[in-house]
Amino acid sequence: MSNKLAKPQTNDIIIDDGSKVYNIKNKRGEILGKFTFRPSDTNIVNRYEEVVDFFNSFKIPEDTDQAIKVAEKEMKDKMSYLIGGDAGEAFFSIMGPFSALASGELFVENVLGAVANVIERELPVRTKRVQRRMNKYVAKYHK
């Protein structure tokens, strides 16, 4: 009998989804959570615009506990849709969406602004890389 152990076989398919992990920190630099983001996702801009339209037309419900819970779930769902992940775990385990910050801004507004900054920072870089790669392959057709 051989001493060699059989290598475990898996049925896993490994792909590069372009994801990056961002630490969520407070102003003191303490890590509050993490969120995974796929800046190469070509639909992110469309989803962002949809979510912004939703937030712009959103009305905070009357002060009933049930209505606020429903609205908070809607906010979490929209943010999860935007980032393609669990925004409830990533962001809203830190603080509720309607929590007021010292600036007068709601926490959900602050989160949306932070995610928008990530999108704006990442997308132009990705676009330039793709354009360079495409130019390399199509340059011969532009002569």
Protein backbone atom coordinates (compact mmCIF):
# COMPACT_ATOMS: atom_id res chain seq x y z
CA MET A 1 0.00 0.00 0.00
CA SER A 2 1.17 3.50 -0.77
CA ASN A 3 1.88 6.12 1.87
CA LYS A 4 0.57 8.85 -0.37
CA LEU A 5 -2.72 10.36 0.60
CA ALA A 6 -5.24 10.77 -2.15
CA LYS A 7 -5.73 14.39 -3.08
CA PRO A 8 -9.23 15.50 -2.23
CA GLN A 9 -11.32 16.16 -5.28
CA THR A 10 -13.74 19.02 -5.36
CA ASN A 11 -16.43 20.14 -7.68
CA ASP A 12 -15.58 23.78 -7.12
CA ILE A 13 -15.29 26.19 -9.98
CA ILE A 14 -13.05 29.14 -9.12
CA ILE A 15 -13.61 32.41 -10.99
CA ASP A 16 -12.30 35.92 -10.67
CA ASP A 17 -15.36 38.04 -9.85
CA GLY A 18 -13.31 41.21 -9.53
CA SER A 19 -14.41 41.69 -5.94
CA LYS A 20 -12.59 43.81 -3.42
CA VAL A 21 -13.11 43.91 0.32
CA TYR A 22 -13.44 47.36 1.88
CA ASN A 23 -13.11 47.99 5.59
CA ILE A 24 -15.86 50.13 7.07
CA LYS A 25 -14.24 52.44 9.60
CA ASN A 26 -15.43 55.24 11.83
CA LYS A 27 -13.72 58.63 11.97
CA ARG A 28 -11.34 57.32 14.64
CA GLY A 29 -10.12 54.61 12.27
CA GLU A 30 -11.76 51.73 14.13
CA ILE A 31 -12.97 48.92 11.88
CA LEU A 32 -16.73 48.52 12.27
CA GLY A 33 -17.28 45.98 9.51
CA LYS A 34 -16.38 44.94 5.99
CA PHE A 35 -18.15 44.92 2.71
CA THR A 36 -17.37 43.14 -0.52
CA PHE A 37 -17.82 45.14 -3.67
CA ARG A 38 -17.42 44.24 -7.33
CA PRO A 39 -16.34 47.45 -9.07
CA SER A 40 -16.09 45.63 -12.40
CA ASP A 41 -19.85 45.00 -12.35
CA THR A 42 -21.11 46.84 -15.42
CA ASN A 43 -24.63 47.21 -13.99
CA ILE A 44 -23.51 49.07 -10.86
CA VAL A 45 -24.11 52.53 -12.35
CA ASN A 46 -27.67 51.65 -13.40
CA ARG A 47 -28.42 50.17 -9.98
CA TYR A 48 -26.94 53.24 -8.30
CA GLU A 49 -29.19 55.54 -10.34
CA GLU A 50 -32.24 53.40 -9.48
CA VAL A 51 -31.40 53.48 -5.78
CA VAL A 52 -30.82 57.25 -5.80
CA ASP A 53 -34.21 57.75 -7.51
CA PHE A 54 -35.80 55.55 -4.84
CA PHE A 55 -34.17 57.55 -2.02
CA ASN A 56 -35.11 60.87 -3.60
CA SER A 57 -38.80 59.88 -3.73
CA PHE A 58 -38.83 58.07 -0.38
CA LYS A 59 -41.00 59.43 2.42
CA ILE A 60 -40.14 58.48 5.99
CA PRO A 61 -43.26 56.87 7.47
CA GLU A 62 -45.28 58.07 10.40
CA ASP A 63 -43.92 57.22 13.82
CA THR A 64 -45.45 53.77 14.14
CA ASP A 65 -42.97 51.05 15.00
CA GLN A 66 -44.28 48.70 12.32
CA ALA A 67 -44.10 51.31 9.53
CA ILE A 68 -40.54 52.24 10.51
CA LYS A 69 -39.47 48.57 10.56
CA VAL A 70 -40.94 48.06 7.08
CA ALA A 71 -39.19 51.20 5.79
CA GLU A 72 -35.86 50.16 7.33
CA LYS A 73 -36.15 46.78 5.63
CA GLU A 74 -36.84 48.55 2.33
CA MET A 75 -33.71 50.67 2.81
CA LYS A 76 -31.58 47.62 3.60
CA ASP A 77 -32.99 45.76 0.60
CA LYS A 78 -32.26 48.67 -1.76
CA MET A 79 -28.71 49.03 -0.48
CA SER A 80 -28.19 45.24 -0.74
CA TYR A 81 -29.44 45.43 -4.34
CA LEU A 82 -26.97 48.23 -5.04
CA ILE A 83 -23.87 46.54 -3.64
CA GLY A 84 -24.84 43.01 -4.68
CA GLY A 85 -24.42 41.82 -1.10
CA ASP A 86 -25.87 41.96 2.37
CA ALA A 87 -25.98 45.65 3.30
CA GLY A 88 -27.83 44.78 6.50
CA GLU A 89 -24.83 42.85 7.73
CA ALA A 90 -22.17 45.12 6.22
CA PHE A 91 -23.56 48.53 7.19
CA PHE A 92 -26.76 48.37 9.18
CA SER A 93 -25.47 46.08 11.88
CA ILE A 94 -23.47 49.17 12.88
CA MET A 95 -26.43 51.52 13.12
CA GLY A 96 -30.03 51.64 11.92
CA PRO A 97 -30.69 53.30 8.55
CA PHE A 98 -32.74 56.16 10.06
CA SER A 99 -30.23 56.97 12.82
CA ALA A 100 -29.50 60.69 12.79
CA LEU A 101 -25.85 61.70 12.67
CA ALA A 102 -24.38 64.86 14.23
CA SER A 103 -24.33 66.40 10.74
CA GLY A 104 -28.13 66.07 10.54
CA GLU A 105 -27.75 63.42 7.84
CA LEU A 106 -29.39 60.01 8.23
CA PHE A 107 -27.01 57.06 8.48
CA VAL A 108 -28.44 55.55 5.27
CA GLU A 109 -27.58 58.78 3.41
CA ASN A 110 -24.04 58.58 4.74
CA VAL A 111 -23.73 54.96 3.60
CA LEU A 112 -25.08 55.75 0.13
CA GLY A 113 -22.58 58.61 -0.19
CA ALA A 114 -19.70 56.35 0.87
CA VAL A 115 -20.71 53.67 -1.64
CA ALA A 116 -21.06 56.35 -4.35
CA ASN A 117 -17.49 57.46 -3.62
CA VAL A 118 -16.26 53.89 -4.07
CA ILE A 119 -18.14 53.58 -7.38
CA GLU A 120 -16.79 56.89 -8.67
CA ARG A 121 -13.25 56.07 -7.57
CA GLU A 122 -13.22 52.55 -9.03
CA LEU A 123 -15.12 52.87 -12.29
CA PRO A 124 -12.89 55.32 -14.19
CA VAL A 125 -9.83 53.20 -13.39
CA ARG A 126 -11.54 50.04 -14.64
CA THR A 127 -12.82 51.84 -17.74
CA LYS A 128 -9.31 53.04 -18.61
CA ARG A 129 -7.85 49.53 -18.17
CA VAL A 130 -10.51 47.99 -20.40
CA GLN A 131 -10.04 50.72 -23.00
CA ARG A 132 -6.26 50.18 -23.07
CA ARG A 133 -6.73 46.44 -23.49
CA MET A 134 -9.29 46.90 -26.24
CA ASN A 135 -7.08 49.44 -28.03
CA LYS A 136 -4.27 46.91 -28.04
CA TYR A 137 -6.44 44.41 -29.91
CA VAL A 138 -8.28 46.74 -32.26
CA ALA A 139 -5.42 49.14 -33.08
CA LYS A 140 -4.65 47.31 -36.32
CA TYR A 141 -8.15 48.11 -37.60
CA HIS A 142 -7.69 51.86 -37.10
CA LYS A 143 -4.82 52.23 -39.59
